[in-house]
ModelCIF file with pLDDT and N, C-alpha, C, O atoms, coordinates in Angstrom:
data_MODEL
#
_entry.id   MODEL 
#
_entity.id                         1 
_entity.type                       polymer 
_entity.pdbx_number_of_molecules   1 
#
_entity_poly.entity_id                      1 
_entity_poly.type                           'polypeptide(L)' 
_entity_poly.nstd_linkage                   no 
_entity_poly.nstd_monomer                   no 
_entity_poly.pdbx_seq_one_letter_code       ISTLEFKNAKSAEKTFRENASTPGRSDMPNPLKVRYISLGKGELSVYP 
_entity_poly.pdbx_seq_one_letter_code_can   ISTLEFKNAKSAEKTFRENASTPGRSDMPNPLKVRYISLGKGELSVYP 
_entity_poly.pdbx_strand_id                 A 
#
loop_
_entity_poly_seq.entity_id 
_entity_poly_seq.num 
_entity_poly_seq.mon_id 
_entity_poly_seq.hetero 
1 1  ILE n 
1 2  SER n 
1 3  THR n 
1 4  LEU n 
1 5  GLU n 
1 6  PHE n 
1 7  LYS n 
1 8  ASN n 
1 9  ALA n 
1 10 LYS n 
1 11 SER n 
1 12 ALA n 
1 13 GLU n 
1 14 LYS n 
1 15 THR n 
1 16 PHE n 
1 17 ARG n 
1 18 GLU n 
1 19 ASN n 
1 20 ALA n 
1 21 SER n 
1 22 THR n 
1 23 PRO n 
1 24 GLY n 
1 25 ARG n 
1 26 SER n 
1 27 ASP n 
1 28 MET n 
1 29 PRO n 
1 30 ASN n 
1 31 PRO n 
1 32 LEU n 
1 33 LYS n 
1 34 VAL n 
1 35 ARG n 
1 36 TYR n 
1 37 ILE n 
1 38 SER n 
1 39 LEU n 
1 40 GLY n 
1 41 LYS n 
1 42 GLY n 
1 43 GLU n 
1 44 LEU n 
1 45 SER n 
1 46 VAL n 
1 47 TYR n 
1 48 PRO n 
#
_struct_asym.id          A 
_struct_asym.entity_id   1 
#
loop_
_ma_qa_metric.id 
_ma_qa_metric.mode 
_ma_qa_metric.name 
_ma_qa_metric.software_group_id 
_ma_qa_metric.type 
1 global pLDDT . pLDDT 
2 local  pLDDT . pLDDT 
#
_ma_qa_metric_global.metric_id      1 
_ma_qa_metric_global.metric_value   94.38 
_ma_qa_metric_global.model_id       1 
_ma_qa_metric_global.ordinal_id     1 
#
loop_
_ma_qa_metric_local.label_asym_id 
_ma_qa_metric_local.label_comp_id 
_ma_qa_metric_local.label_seq_id 
_ma_qa_metric_local.metric_id 
_ma_qa_metric_local.metric_value 
_ma_qa_metric_local.model_id 
_ma_qa_metric_local.ordinal_id 
A ILE 1  2 97.00 1 1  
A SER 2  2 96.00 1 2  
A THR 3  2 96.00 1 3  
A LEU 4  2 95.00 1 4  
A GLU 5  2 96.00 1 5  
A PHE 6  2 95.00 1 6  
A LYS 7  2 93.00 1 7  
A ASN 8  2 92.00 1 8  
A ALA 9  2 95.00 1 9  
A LYS 10 2 93.00 1 10 
A SER 11 2 92.00 1 11 
A ALA 12 2 95.00 1 12 
A GLU 13 2 95.00 1 13 
A LYS 14 2 92.00 1 14 
A THR 15 2 91.00 1 15 
A PHE 16 2 94.00 1 16 
A ARG 17 2 92.00 1 17 
A GLU 18 2 88.00 1 18 
A ASN 19 2 86.00 1 19 
A ALA 20 2 84.00 1 20 
A SER 21 2 85.00 1 21 
A THR 22 2 91.00 1 22 
A PRO 23 2 92.00 1 23 
A GLY 24 2 94.00 1 24 
A ARG 25 2 96.00 1 25 
A SER 26 2 96.00 1 26 
A ASP 27 2 96.00 1 27 
A MET 28 2 96.00 1 28 
A PRO 29 2 96.00 1 29 
A ASN 30 2 96.00 1 30 
A PRO 31 2 97.00 1 31 
A LEU 32 2 97.00 1 32 
A LYS 33 2 97.00 1 33 
A VAL 34 2 96.00 1 34 
A ARG 35 2 97.00 1 35 
A TYR 36 2 97.00 1 36 
A ILE 37 2 97.00 1 37 
A SER 38 2 97.00 1 38 
A LEU 39 2 97.00 1 39 
A GLY 40 2 95.00 1 40 
A LYS 41 2 93.00 1 41 
A GLY 42 2 96.00 1 42 
A GLU 43 2 96.00 1 43 
A LEU 44 2 97.00 1 44 
A SER 45 2 96.00 1 45 
A VAL 46 2 96.00 1 46 
A TYR 47 2 97.00 1 47 
A PRO 48 2 97.00 1 48 
#
loop_
_atom_site.group_PDB 
_atom_site.id 
_atom_site.type_symbol 
_atom_site.label_atom_id 
_atom_site.label_alt_id 
_atom_site.label_comp_id 
_atom_site.label_asym_id 
_atom_site.label_entity_id 
_atom_site.label_seq_id 
_atom_site.pdbx_PDB_ins_code 
_atom_site.Cartn_x 
_atom_site.Cartn_y 
_atom_site.Cartn_z 
_atom_site.occupancy 
_atom_site.B_iso_or_equiv 
_atom_site.pdbx_formal_charge 
_atom_site.auth_seq_id 
_atom_site.auth_comp_id 
_atom_site.auth_asym_id 
_atom_site.auth_atom_id 
_atom_site.pdbx_PDB_model_num 
ATOM 1   N N  . ILE A 1 1  ? 17.614 5.747  22.041 1.00 97.00 ? 1  ILE A N  1 
ATOM 2   C CA . ILE A 1 1  ? 17.271 4.363  21.731 1.00 97.00 ? 1  ILE A CA 1 
ATOM 3   C C  . ILE A 1 1  ? 16.686 4.265  20.327 1.00 97.00 ? 1  ILE A C  1 
ATOM 4   O O  . ILE A 1 1  ? 17.120 3.435  19.528 1.00 97.00 ? 1  ILE A O  1 
ATOM 5   N N  . SER A 1 2  ? 15.710 5.103  20.027 1.00 96.00 ? 2  SER A N  1 
ATOM 6   C CA . SER A 1 2  ? 15.078 5.104  18.717 1.00 96.00 ? 2  SER A CA 1 
ATOM 7   C C  . SER A 1 2  ? 14.291 6.393  18.554 1.00 96.00 ? 2  SER A C  1 
ATOM 8   O O  . SER A 1 2  ? 13.968 7.064  19.535 1.00 96.00 ? 2  SER A O  1 
ATOM 9   N N  . THR A 1 3  ? 13.984 6.734  17.308 1.00 96.00 ? 3  THR A N  1 
ATOM 10  C CA . THR A 1 3  ? 13.209 7.942  17.017 1.00 96.00 ? 3  THR A CA 1 
ATOM 11  C C  . THR A 1 3  ? 12.064 7.596  16.081 1.00 96.00 ? 3  THR A C  1 
ATOM 12  O O  . THR A 1 3  ? 12.249 6.884  15.093 1.00 96.00 ? 3  THR A O  1 
ATOM 13  N N  . LEU A 1 4  ? 10.877 8.104  16.397 1.00 95.00 ? 4  LEU A N  1 
ATOM 14  C CA . LEU A 1 4  ? 9.719  7.931  15.522 1.00 95.00 ? 4  LEU A CA 1 
ATOM 15  C C  . LEU A 1 4  ? 9.566  9.181  14.660 1.00 95.00 ? 4  LEU A C  1 
ATOM 16  O O  . LEU A 1 4  ? 9.620  10.303 15.162 1.00 95.00 ? 4  LEU A O  1 
ATOM 17  N N  . GLU A 1 5  ? 9.376  8.975  13.365 1.00 96.00 ? 5  GLU A N  1 
ATOM 18  C CA . GLU A 1 5  ? 9.224  10.075 12.416 1.00 96.00 ? 5  GLU A CA 1 
ATOM 19  C C  . GLU A 1 5  ? 7.811  10.052 11.849 1.00 96.00 ? 5  GLU A C  1 
ATOM 20  O O  . GLU A 1 5  ? 7.400  9.062  11.244 1.00 96.00 ? 5  GLU A O  1 
ATOM 21  N N  . PHE A 1 6  ? 7.063  11.141 12.042 1.00 95.00 ? 6  PHE A N  1 
ATOM 22  C CA . PHE A 1 6  ? 5.658  11.223 11.651 1.00 95.00 ? 6  PHE A CA 1 
ATOM 23  C C  . PHE A 1 6  ? 5.492  12.097 10.411 1.00 95.00 ? 6  PHE A C  1 
ATOM 24  O O  . PHE A 1 6  ? 6.403  12.820 10.008 1.00 95.00 ? 6  PHE A O  1 
ATOM 25  N N  . LYS A 1 7  ? 4.293  12.007 9.815  1.00 93.00 ? 7  LYS A N  1 
ATOM 26  C CA . LYS A 1 7  ? 3.973  12.819 8.643  1.00 93.00 ? 7  LYS A CA 1 
ATOM 27  C C  . LYS A 1 7  ? 3.392  14.166 9.019  1.00 93.00 ? 7  LYS A C  1 
ATOM 28  O O  . LYS A 1 7  ? 3.489  15.118 8.244  1.00 93.00 ? 7  LYS A O  1 
ATOM 29  N N  . ASN A 1 8  ? 2.782  14.264 10.212 1.00 92.00 ? 8  ASN A N  1 
ATOM 30  C CA . ASN A 1 8  ? 2.237  15.548 10.620 1.00 92.00 ? 8  ASN A CA 1 
ATOM 31  C C  . ASN A 1 8  ? 2.504  15.794 12.098 1.00 92.00 ? 8  ASN A C  1 
ATOM 32  O O  . ASN A 1 8  ? 2.636  14.854 12.883 1.00 92.00 ? 8  ASN A O  1 
ATOM 33  N N  . ALA A 1 9  ? 2.582  17.056 12.465 1.00 95.00 ? 9  ALA A N  1 
ATOM 34  C CA . ALA A 1 9  ? 2.952  17.447 13.815 1.00 95.00 ? 9  ALA A CA 1 
ATOM 35  C C  . ALA A 1 9  ? 1.898  17.046 14.839 1.00 95.00 ? 9  ALA A C  1 
ATOM 36  O O  . ALA A 1 9  ? 2.235  16.738 15.982 1.00 95.00 ? 9  ALA A O  1 
ATOM 37  N N  . LYS A 1 10 ? 0.618  17.045 14.440 1.00 93.00 ? 10 LYS A N  1 
ATOM 38  C CA . LYS A 1 10 ? -0.444 16.693 15.381 1.00 93.00 ? 10 LYS A CA 1 
ATOM 39  C C  . LYS A 1 10 ? -0.292 15.245 15.855 1.00 93.00 ? 10 LYS A C  1 
ATOM 40  O O  . LYS A 1 10 ? -0.454 14.958 17.040 1.00 93.00 ? 10 LYS A O  1 
ATOM 41  N N  . SER A 1 11 ? 0.014  14.350 14.941 1.00 92.00 ? 11 SER A N  1 
ATOM 42  C CA . SER A 1 11 ? 0.195  12.949 15.296 1.00 92.00 ? 11 SER A CA 1 
ATOM 43  C C  . SER A 1 11 ? 1.418  12.760 16.192 1.00 92.00 ? 11 SER A C  1 
ATOM 44  O O  . SER A 1 11 ? 1.380  11.978 17.142 1.00 92.00 ? 11 SER A O  1 
ATOM 45  N N  . ALA A 1 12 ? 2.496  13.474 15.890 1.00 95.00 ? 12 ALA A N  1 
ATOM 46  C CA . ALA A 1 12 ? 3.704  13.384 16.706 1.00 95.00 ? 12 ALA A CA 1 
ATOM 47  C C  . ALA A 1 12 ? 3.441  13.894 18.125 1.00 95.00 ? 12 ALA A C  1 
ATOM 48  O O  . ALA A 1 12 ? 3.856  13.269 19.101 1.00 95.00 ? 12 ALA A O  1 
ATOM 49  N N  . GLU A 1 13 ? 2.760  15.015 18.232 1.00 95.00 ? 13 GLU A N  1 
ATOM 50  C CA . GLU A 1 13 ? 2.449  15.597 19.538 1.00 95.00 ? 13 GLU A CA 1 
ATOM 51  C C  . GLU A 1 13 ? 1.566  14.657 20.356 1.00 95.00 ? 13 GLU A C  1 
ATOM 52  O O  . GLU A 1 13 ? 1.752  14.516 21.564 1.00 95.00 ? 13 GLU A O  1 
ATOM 53  N N  . LYS A 1 14 ? 0.613  14.021 19.696 1.00 92.00 ? 14 LYS A N  1 
ATOM 54  C CA . LYS A 1 14 ? -0.273 13.078 20.378 1.00 92.00 ? 14 LYS A CA 1 
ATOM 55  C C  . LYS A 1 14 ? 0.520  11.922 20.975 1.00 92.00 ? 14 LYS A C  1 
ATOM 56  O O  . LYS A 1 14 ? 0.297  11.538 22.123 1.00 92.00 ? 14 LYS A O  1 
ATOM 57  N N  . THR A 1 15 ? 1.447  11.368 20.193 1.00 91.00 ? 15 THR A N  1 
ATOM 58  C CA . THR A 1 15 ? 2.276  10.272 20.689 1.00 91.00 ? 15 THR A CA 1 
ATOM 59  C C  . THR A 1 15 ? 3.147  10.737 21.848 1.00 91.00 ? 15 THR A C  1 
ATOM 60  O O  . THR A 1 15 ? 3.306  10.013 22.830 1.00 91.00 ? 15 THR A O  1 
ATOM 61  N N  . PHE A 1 16 ? 3.705  11.921 21.746 1.00 94.00 ? 16 PHE A N  1 
ATOM 62  C CA . PHE A 1 16 ? 4.557  12.451 22.823 1.00 94.00 ? 16 PHE A CA 1 
ATOM 63  C C  . PHE A 1 16 ? 3.757  12.595 24.120 1.00 94.00 ? 16 PHE A C  1 
ATOM 64  O O  . PHE A 1 16 ? 4.255  12.263 25.196 1.00 94.00 ? 16 PHE A O  1 
ATOM 65  N N  . ARG A 1 17 ? 2.529  13.085 24.020 1.00 92.00 ? 17 ARG A N  1 
ATOM 66  C CA . ARG A 1 17 ? 1.687  13.247 25.216 1.00 92.00 ? 17 ARG A CA 1 
ATOM 67  C C  . ARG A 1 17 ? 1.356  11.891 25.835 1.00 92.00 ? 17 ARG A C  1 
ATOM 68  O O  . ARG A 1 17 ? 1.266  11.768 27.056 1.00 92.00 ? 17 ARG A O  1 
ATOM 69  N N  . GLU A 1 18 ? 1.176  10.879 24.994 1.00 88.00 ? 18 GLU A N  1 
ATOM 70  C CA . GLU A 1 18 ? 0.861  9.547  25.506 1.00 88.00 ? 18 GLU A CA 1 
ATOM 71  C C  . GLU A 1 18 ? 2.029  8.947  26.278 1.00 88.00 ? 18 GLU A C  1 
ATOM 72  O O  . GLU A 1 18 ? 1.838  8.023  27.069 1.00 88.00 ? 18 GLU A O  1 
ATOM 73  N N  . ASN A 1 19 ? 3.234  9.462  26.056 1.00 86.00 ? 19 ASN A N  1 
ATOM 74  C CA . ASN A 1 19 ? 4.413  8.971  26.776 1.00 86.00 ? 19 ASN A CA 1 
ATOM 75  C C  . ASN A 1 19 ? 4.637  9.687  28.097 1.00 86.00 ? 19 ASN A C  1 
ATOM 76  O O  . ASN A 1 19 ? 5.588  9.385  28.818 1.00 86.00 ? 19 ASN A O  1 
ATOM 77  N N  . ALA A 1 20 ? 3.754  10.644 28.418 1.00 84.00 ? 20 ALA A N  1 
ATOM 78  C CA . ALA A 1 20 ? 3.973  11.498 29.592 1.00 84.00 ? 20 ALA A CA 1 
ATOM 79  C C  . ALA A 1 20 ? 3.953  10.717 30.900 1.00 84.00 ? 20 ALA A C  1 
ATOM 80  O O  . ALA A 1 20 ? 4.473  11.189 31.911 1.00 84.00 ? 20 ALA A O  1 
ATOM 81  N N  . SER A 1 21 ? 3.356  9.522  30.888 1.00 85.00 ? 21 SER A N  1 
ATOM 82  C CA . SER A 1 21 ? 3.294  8.731  32.124 1.00 85.00 ? 21 SER A CA 1 
ATOM 83  C C  . SER A 1 21 ? 4.671  8.245  32.567 1.00 85.00 ? 21 SER A C  1 
ATOM 84  O O  . SER A 1 21 ? 4.850  7.857  33.721 1.00 85.00 ? 21 SER A O  1 
ATOM 85  N N  . THR A 1 22 ? 5.638  8.264  31.663 1.00 91.00 ? 22 THR A N  1 
ATOM 86  C CA . THR A 1 22 ? 7.021  7.908  32.007 1.00 91.00 ? 22 THR A CA 1 
ATOM 87  C C  . THR A 1 22 ? 7.896  9.134  31.774 1.00 91.00 ? 22 THR A C  1 
ATOM 88  O O  . THR A 1 22 ? 8.434  9.301  30.680 1.00 91.00 ? 22 THR A O  1 
ATOM 89  N N  . PRO A 1 23 ? 8.050  9.998  32.784 1.00 92.00 ? 23 PRO A N  1 
ATOM 90  C CA . PRO A 1 23 ? 8.804  11.252 32.617 1.00 92.00 ? 23 PRO A CA 1 
ATOM 91  C C  . PRO A 1 23 ? 10.220 11.008 32.116 1.00 92.00 ? 23 PRO A C  1 
ATOM 92  O O  . PRO A 1 23 ? 10.930 10.137 32.619 1.00 92.00 ? 23 PRO A O  1 
ATOM 93  N N  . GLY A 1 24 ? 10.615 11.780 31.127 1.00 94.00 ? 24 GLY A N  1 
ATOM 94  C CA . GLY A 1 24 ? 11.973 11.704 30.607 1.00 94.00 ? 24 GLY A CA 1 
ATOM 95  C C  . GLY A 1 24 ? 12.202 10.636 29.567 1.00 94.00 ? 24 GLY A C  1 
ATOM 96  O O  . GLY A 1 24 ? 13.287 10.567 28.990 1.00 94.00 ? 24 GLY A O  1 
ATOM 97  N N  . ARG A 1 25 ? 11.197 9.787  29.303 1.00 96.00 ? 25 ARG A N  1 
ATOM 98  C CA . ARG A 1 25 ? 11.387 8.695  28.350 1.00 96.00 ? 25 ARG A CA 1 
ATOM 99  C C  . ARG A 1 25 ? 11.488 9.207  26.919 1.00 96.00 ? 25 ARG A C  1 
ATOM 100 O O  . ARG A 1 25 ? 12.139 8.574  26.088 1.00 96.00 ? 25 ARG A O  1 
ATOM 101 N N  . SER A 1 26 ? 10.857 10.342 26.612 1.00 96.00 ? 26 SER A N  1 
ATOM 102 C CA . SER A 1 26 ? 10.901 10.835 25.239 1.00 96.00 ? 26 SER A CA 1 
ATOM 103 C C  . SER A 1 26 ? 10.969 12.353 25.203 1.00 96.00 ? 26 SER A C  1 
ATOM 104 O O  . SER A 1 26 ? 10.615 13.032 26.167 1.00 96.00 ? 26 SER A O  1 
ATOM 105 N N  . ASP A 1 27 ? 11.434 12.872 24.061 1.00 96.00 ? 27 ASP A N  1 
ATOM 106 C CA . ASP A 1 27 ? 11.385 14.305 23.789 1.00 96.00 ? 27 ASP A CA 1 
ATOM 107 C C  . ASP A 1 27 ? 11.066 14.499 22.312 1.00 96.00 ? 27 ASP A C  1 
ATOM 108 O O  . ASP A 1 27 ? 10.913 13.530 21.568 1.00 96.00 ? 27 ASP A O  1 
ATOM 109 N N  . MET A 1 28 ? 10.969 15.757 21.894 1.00 96.00 ? 28 MET A N  1 
ATOM 110 C CA . MET A 1 28 ? 10.653 16.062 20.490 1.00 96.00 ? 28 MET A CA 1 
ATOM 111 C C  . MET A 1 28 ? 11.754 16.953 19.919 1.00 96.00 ? 28 MET A C  1 
ATOM 112 O O  . MET A 1 28 ? 11.720 18.170 20.095 1.00 96.00 ? 28 MET A O  1 
ATOM 113 N N  . PRO A 1 29 ? 12.737 16.347 19.231 1.00 96.00 ? 29 PRO A N  1 
ATOM 114 C CA . PRO A 1 29 ? 13.810 17.154 18.642 1.00 96.00 ? 29 PRO A CA 1 
ATOM 115 C C  . PRO A 1 29 ? 13.311 18.117 17.578 1.00 96.00 ? 29 PRO A C  1 
ATOM 116 O O  . PRO A 1 29 ? 13.935 19.150 17.336 1.00 96.00 ? 29 PRO A O  1 
ATOM 117 N N  . ASN A 1 30 ? 12.179 17.787 16.932 1.00 96.00 ? 30 ASN A N  1 
ATOM 118 C CA . ASN A 1 30 ? 11.501 18.717 16.033 1.00 96.00 ? 30 ASN A CA 1 
ATOM 119 C C  . ASN A 1 30 ? 10.025 18.321 15.998 1.00 96.00 ? 30 ASN A C  1 
ATOM 120 O O  . ASN A 1 30 ? 9.678  17.256 16.509 1.00 96.00 ? 30 ASN A O  1 
ATOM 121 N N  . PRO A 1 31 ? 9.140  19.141 15.411 1.00 97.00 ? 31 PRO A N  1 
ATOM 122 C CA . PRO A 1 31 ? 7.695  18.865 15.493 1.00 97.00 ? 31 PRO A CA 1 
ATOM 123 C C  . PRO A 1 31 ? 7.240  17.558 14.859 1.00 97.00 ? 31 PRO A C  1 
ATOM 124 O O  . PRO A 1 31 ? 6.112  17.125 15.097 1.00 97.00 ? 31 PRO A O  1 
ATOM 125 N N  . LEU A 1 32 ? 8.091  16.917 14.055 1.00 97.00 ? 32 LEU A N  1 
ATOM 126 C CA . LEU A 1 32 ? 7.689  15.686 13.383 1.00 97.00 ? 32 LEU A CA 1 
ATOM 127 C C  . LEU A 1 32 ? 8.348  14.438 13.964 1.00 97.00 ? 32 LEU A C  1 
ATOM 128 O O  . LEU A 1 32 ? 8.154  13.340 13.445 1.00 97.00 ? 32 LEU A O  1 
ATOM 129 N N  . LYS A 1 33 ? 9.122  14.594 15.031 1.00 97.00 ? 33 LYS A N  1 
ATOM 130 C CA . LYS A 1 33 ? 9.851  13.455 15.575 1.00 97.00 ? 33 LYS A CA 1 
ATOM 131 C C  . LYS A 1 33 ? 9.665  13.326 17.085 1.00 97.00 ? 33 LYS A C  1 
ATOM 132 O O  . LYS A 1 33 ? 9.610  14.319 17.812 1.00 97.00 ? 33 LYS A O  1 
ATOM 133 N N  . VAL A 1 34 ? 9.570  12.079 17.533 1.00 96.00 ? 34 VAL A N  1 
ATOM 134 C CA . VAL A 1 34 ? 9.560  11.761 18.956 1.00 96.00 ? 34 VAL A CA 1 
ATOM 135 C C  . VAL A 1 34 ? 10.737 10.830 19.218 1.00 96.00 ? 34 VAL A C  1 
ATOM 136 O O  . VAL A 1 34 ? 10.815 9.738  18.654 1.00 96.00 ? 34 VAL A O  1 
ATOM 137 N N  . ARG A 1 35 ? 11.637 11.264 20.066 1.00 97.00 ? 35 ARG A N  1 
ATOM 138 C CA . ARG A 1 35 ? 12.849 10.489 20.356 1.00 97.00 ? 35 ARG A CA 1 
ATOM 139 C C  . ARG A 1 35 ? 12.685 9.761  21.682 1.00 97.00 ? 35 ARG A C  1 
ATOM 140 O O  . ARG A 1 35 ? 12.263 10.349 22.677 1.00 97.00 ? 35 ARG A O  1 
ATOM 141 N N  . TYR A 1 36 ? 13.029 8.456  21.687 1.00 97.00 ? 36 TYR A N  1 
ATOM 142 C CA . TYR A 1 36 ? 12.984 7.665  22.909 1.00 97.00 ? 36 TYR A CA 1 
ATOM 143 C C  . TYR A 1 36 ? 14.375 7.615  23.528 1.00 97.00 ? 36 TYR A C  1 
ATOM 144 O O  . TYR A 1 36 ? 15.373 7.414  22.835 1.00 97.00 ? 36 TYR A O  1 
ATOM 145 N N  . ILE A 1 37 ? 14.424 7.800  24.842 1.00 97.00 ? 37 ILE A N  1 
ATOM 146 C CA . ILE A 1 37 ? 15.668 8.021  25.563 1.00 97.00 ? 37 ILE A CA 1 
ATOM 147 C C  . ILE A 1 37 ? 15.813 6.991  26.679 1.00 97.00 ? 37 ILE A C  1 
ATOM 148 O O  . ILE A 1 37 ? 14.829 6.624  27.321 1.00 97.00 ? 37 ILE A O  1 
ATOM 149 N N  . SER A 1 38 ? 17.039 6.527  26.906 1.00 97.00 ? 38 SER A N  1 
ATOM 150 C CA . SER A 1 38 ? 17.293 5.591  27.996 1.00 97.00 ? 38 SER A CA 1 
ATOM 151 C C  . SER A 1 38 ? 17.121 6.283  29.345 1.00 97.00 ? 38 SER A C  1 
ATOM 152 O O  . SER A 1 38 ? 17.524 7.431  29.535 1.00 97.00 ? 38 SER A O  1 
ATOM 153 N N  . LEU A 1 39 ? 16.511 5.549  30.274 1.00 97.00 ? 39 LEU A N  1 
ATOM 154 C CA . LEU A 1 39 ? 16.355 6.030  31.648 1.00 97.00 ? 39 LEU A CA 1 
ATOM 155 C C  . LEU A 1 39 ? 17.166 5.179  32.625 1.00 97.00 ? 39 LEU A C  1 
ATOM 156 O O  . LEU A 1 39 ? 17.076 5.363  33.839 1.00 97.00 ? 39 LEU A O  1 
ATOM 157 N N  . GLY A 1 40 ? 17.948 4.256  32.097 1.00 95.00 ? 40 GLY A N  1 
ATOM 158 C CA . GLY A 1 40 ? 18.631 3.296  32.959 1.00 95.00 ? 40 GLY A CA 1 
ATOM 159 C C  . GLY A 1 40 ? 20.063 3.666  33.289 1.00 95.00 ? 40 GLY A C  1 
ATOM 160 O O  . GLY A 1 40 ? 20.566 4.726  32.916 1.00 95.00 ? 40 GLY A O  1 
ATOM 161 N N  . LYS A 1 41 ? 20.698 2.755  34.000 1.00 93.00 ? 41 LYS A N  1 
ATOM 162 C CA . LYS A 1 41 ? 22.092 2.943  34.391 1.00 93.00 ? 41 LYS A CA 1 
ATOM 163 C C  . LYS A 1 41 ? 23.061 2.476  33.307 1.00 93.00 ? 41 LYS A C  1 
ATOM 164 O O  . LYS A 1 41 ? 24.227 2.868  33.291 1.00 93.00 ? 41 LYS A O  1 
ATOM 165 N N  . GLY A 1 42 ? 22.564 1.636  32.406 1.00 96.00 ? 42 GLY A N  1 
ATOM 166 C CA . GLY A 1 42 ? 23.456 1.110  31.381 1.00 96.00 ? 42 GLY A CA 1 
ATOM 167 C C  . GLY A 1 42 ? 24.567 0.265  31.970 1.00 96.00 ? 42 GLY A C  1 
ATOM 168 O O  . GLY A 1 42 ? 25.698 0.294  31.485 1.00 96.00 ? 42 GLY A O  1 
ATOM 169 N N  . GLU A 1 43 ? 24.248 -0.496 33.026 1.00 96.00 ? 43 GLU A N  1 
ATOM 170 C CA . GLU A 1 43 ? 25.291 -1.221 33.756 1.00 96.00 ? 43 GLU A CA 1 
ATOM 171 C C  . GLU A 1 43 ? 25.971 -2.290 32.926 1.00 96.00 ? 43 GLU A C  1 
ATOM 172 O O  . GLU A 1 43 ? 27.096 -2.684 33.236 1.00 96.00 ? 43 GLU A O  1 
ATOM 173 N N  . LEU A 1 44 ? 25.308 -2.775 31.866 1.00 97.00 ? 44 LEU A N  1 
ATOM 174 C CA . LEU A 1 44 ? 25.916 -3.821 31.041 1.00 97.00 ? 44 LEU A CA 1 
ATOM 175 C C  . LEU A 1 44 ? 26.801 -3.269 29.934 1.00 97.00 ? 44 LEU A C  1 
ATOM 176 O O  . LEU A 1 44 ? 27.460 -4.034 29.229 1.00 97.00 ? 44 LEU A O  1 
ATOM 177 N N  . SER A 1 45 ? 26.824 -1.955 29.774 1.00 96.00 ? 45 SER A N  1 
ATOM 178 C CA . SER A 1 45 ? 27.616 -1.353 28.689 1.00 96.00 ? 45 SER A CA 1 
ATOM 179 C C  . SER A 1 45 ? 29.115 -1.524 28.899 1.00 96.00 ? 45 SER A C  1 
ATOM 180 O O  . SER A 1 45 ? 29.895 -1.330 27.967 1.00 96.00 ? 45 SER A O  1 
ATOM 181 N N  . VAL A 1 46 ? 29.527 -1.885 30.111 1.00 96.00 ? 46 VAL A N  1 
ATOM 182 C CA . VAL A 1 46 ? 30.965 -2.052 30.386 1.00 96.00 ? 46 VAL A CA 1 
ATOM 183 C C  . VAL A 1 46 ? 31.461 -3.420 29.924 1.00 96.00 ? 46 VAL A C  1 
ATOM 184 O O  . VAL A 1 46 ? 32.667 -3.668 29.926 1.00 96.00 ? 46 VAL A O  1 
ATOM 185 N N  . TYR A 1 47 ? 30.558 -4.303 29.531 1.00 97.00 ? 47 TYR A N  1 
ATOM 186 C CA . TYR A 1 47 ? 30.939 -5.649 29.091 1.00 97.00 ? 47 TYR A CA 1 
ATOM 187 C C  . TYR A 1 47 ? 31.011 -5.715 27.563 1.00 97.00 ? 47 TYR A C  1 
ATOM 188 O O  . TYR A 1 47 ? 30.288 -4.993 26.876 1.00 97.00 ? 47 TYR A O  1 
ATOM 189 N N  . PRO A 1 48 ? 31.877 -6.573 27.034 1.00 97.00 ? 48 PRO A N  1 
ATOM 190 C CA . PRO A 1 48 ? 31.798 -6.834 25.595 1.00 97.00 ? 48 PRO A CA 1 
ATOM 191 C C  . PRO A 1 48 ? 30.491 -7.569 25.296 1.00 97.00 ? 48 PRO A C  1 
ATOM 192 O O  . PRO A 1 48 ? 30.215 -7.891 24.140 1.00 97.00 ? 48 PRO A O  1 
#
């Protein structure tokens, strides 16, 4: 969905931990980035 890019790894890690209440919503592709991920079915993607 979107990726947050931080200036330091500590800030990125802090944000990632704050997202822990929603399992699977985010990951860290590298120490400076937190990626937000869809958890839905995407049922509307079949429509124009």
